[in-house]
């Protein structure tokens, strides 16, 4: 049985109280295999819809039920 997560229609995930966080703080506890650039970047938004990407946002690719960009 597949259990799909549901995400807000807006394409945004809240960071915390609309405040910025350092990327290094957001990835604590994750298994990071490759880092290009600095971990000292400020992040204001986390987005999973690539059309919503703007400065100071972090794009997260999430495999989808219909598409996952692998085509």
C-alpha atoms as a PDB file:
ATOM      1  CA  UNK A   1       0.000   0.000   0.000  1.00  0.00           C
ATOM      2  CA  UNK A   2       1.469   3.340  -1.076  1.00  0.00           C
ATOM      3  CA  UNK A   3       1.045   6.223   1.326  1.00  0.00           C
ATOM      4  CA  UNK A   4       1.218   9.595  -0.488  1.00  0.00           C
ATOM      5  CA  UNK A   5       1.994  12.778   1.363  1.00  0.00           C
ATOM      6  CA  UNK A   6      -0.151  15.779   0.644  1.00  0.00           C
ATOM      7  CA  UNK A   7       1.376  19.208   0.086  1.00  0.00           C
ATOM      8  CA  UNK A   8      -0.236  22.662   0.034  1.00  0.00           C
ATOM      9  CA  UNK A   9      -1.568  23.768  -3.360  1.00  0.00           C
ATOM     10  CA  UNK A  10       0.473  26.981  -3.090  1.00  0.00           C
ATOM     11  CA  UNK A  11       3.751  25.191  -3.881  1.00  0.00           C
ATOM     12  CA  UNK A  12       5.357  26.560  -0.709  1.00  0.00           C
ATOM     13  CA  UNK A  13       6.317  24.888   2.558  1.00  0.00           C
ATOM     14  CA  UNK A  14       6.688  27.158   5.597  1.00  0.00           C
ATOM     15  CA  UNK A  15      10.180  27.575   7.021  1.00  0.00           C
ATOM     16  CA  UNK A  16       9.159  28.943  10.441  1.00  0.00           C
ATOM     17  CA  UNK A  17       7.067  32.021  11.145  1.00  0.00           C
ATOM     18  CA  UNK A  18       8.172  33.641   7.856  1.00  0.00           C
ATOM     19  CA  UNK A  19      11.690  34.151   9.199  1.00  0.00           C
ATOM     20  CA  UNK A  20      14.863  33.241   7.380  1.00  0.00           C
ATOM     21  CA  UNK A  21      16.972  30.240   8.355  1.00  0.00           C
ATOM     22  CA  UNK A  22      20.505  29.293   7.365  1.00  0.00           C
ATOM     23  CA  UNK A  23      20.725  26.364   4.956  1.00  0.00           C
ATOM     24  CA  UNK A  24      23.177  24.677   7.330  1.00  0.00           C
ATOM     25  CA  UNK A  25      20.464  24.695  10.029  1.00  0.00           C
ATOM     26  CA  UNK A  26      17.758  23.329   7.710  1.00  0.00           C
ATOM     27  CA  UNK A  27      19.845  20.314   6.655  1.00  0.00           C
ATOM     28  CA  UNK A  28      20.948  19.285  10.155  1.00  0.00           C
ATOM     29  CA  UNK A  29      20.365  15.559  10.552  1.00  0.00           C
ATOM     30  CA  UNK A  30      20.047  14.902   6.808  1.00  0.00           C
ATOM     31  CA  UNK A  31      22.450  12.678   4.949  1.00  0.00           C
ATOM     32  CA  UNK A  32      24.054  15.199   2.571  1.00  0.00           C
ATOM     33  CA  UNK A  33      26.201  13.548  -0.094  1.00  0.00           C
ATOM     34  CA  UNK A  34      27.304  16.525  -2.176  1.00  0.00           C
ATOM     35  CA  UNK A  35      27.578  20.231  -1.395  1.00  0.00           C
ATOM     36  CA  UNK A  36      28.135  22.821  -4.121  1.00  0.00           C
ATOM     37  CA  UNK A  37      28.464  26.344  -2.807  1.00  0.00           C
ATOM     38  CA  UNK A  38      28.061  27.633   0.704  1.00  0.00           C
ATOM     39  CA  UNK A  39      25.911  26.299   3.530  1.00  0.00           C
ATOM     40  CA  UNK A  40      25.778  29.815   4.985  1.00  0.00           C
ATOM     41  CA  UNK A  41      22.969  30.932   2.643  1.00  0.00           C
ATOM     42  CA  UNK A  42      19.806  32.436   4.084  1.00  0.00           C
ATOM     43  CA  UNK A  43      16.579  30.648   3.160  1.00  0.00           C
ATOM     44  CA  UNK A  44      13.252  32.473   3.328  1.00  0.00           C
ATOM     45  CA  UNK A  45      11.038  29.928   1.546  1.00  0.00           C
ATOM     46  CA  UNK A  46      11.093  26.234   0.752  1.00  0.00           C
ATOM     47  CA  UNK A  47       9.370  25.489  -2.545  1.00  0.00           C
ATOM     48  CA  UNK A  48       8.526  22.237  -4.306  1.00  0.00           C
ATOM     49  CA  UNK A  49       7.051  23.894  -7.412  1.00  0.00           C
ATOM     50  CA  UNK A  50       9.947  25.053  -9.618  1.00  0.00           C
ATOM     51  CA  UNK A  51       7.784  27.888 -10.982  1.00  0.00           C
ATOM     52  CA  UNK A  52       7.751  29.435  -7.479  1.00  0.00           C
ATOM     53  CA  UNK A  53      11.566  29.646  -7.126  1.00  0.00           C
ATOM     54  CA  UNK A  54      12.854  33.139  -6.359  1.00  0.00           C
ATOM     55  CA  UNK A  55      15.900  34.606  -4.597  1.00  0.00           C
ATOM     56  CA  UNK A  56      16.531  33.170  -1.100  1.00  0.00           C
ATOM     57  CA  UNK A  57      14.289  30.147  -1.721  1.00  0.00           C
ATOM     58  CA  UNK A  58      15.246  26.475  -1.534  1.00  0.00           C
ATOM     59  CA  UNK A  59      13.824  24.159  -4.202  1.00  0.00           C
ATOM     60  CA  UNK A  60      13.124  20.610  -3.049  1.00  0.00           C
ATOM     61  CA  UNK A  61      12.362  17.945  -5.665  1.00  0.00           C
ATOM     62  CA  UNK A  62       9.642  15.589  -4.443  1.00  0.00           C
ATOM     63  CA  UNK A  63       8.721  12.500  -6.491  1.00  0.00           C
ATOM     64  CA  UNK A  64       5.148  13.005  -7.679  1.00  0.00           C
ATOM     65  CA  UNK A  65       2.174  10.750  -8.149  1.00  0.00           C
ATOM     66  CA  UNK A  66       1.829  11.800 -11.806  1.00  0.00           C
ATOM     67  CA  UNK A  67       5.237  13.246 -12.722  1.00  0.00           C
ATOM     68  CA  UNK A  68       8.604  13.428 -11.054  1.00  0.00           C
ATOM     69  CA  UNK A  69      10.698  15.134 -13.719  1.00  0.00           C
ATOM     70  CA  UNK A  70      12.392  11.882 -14.700  1.00  0.00           C
ATOM     71  CA  UNK A  71      11.001  11.869 -18.234  1.00  0.00           C
END
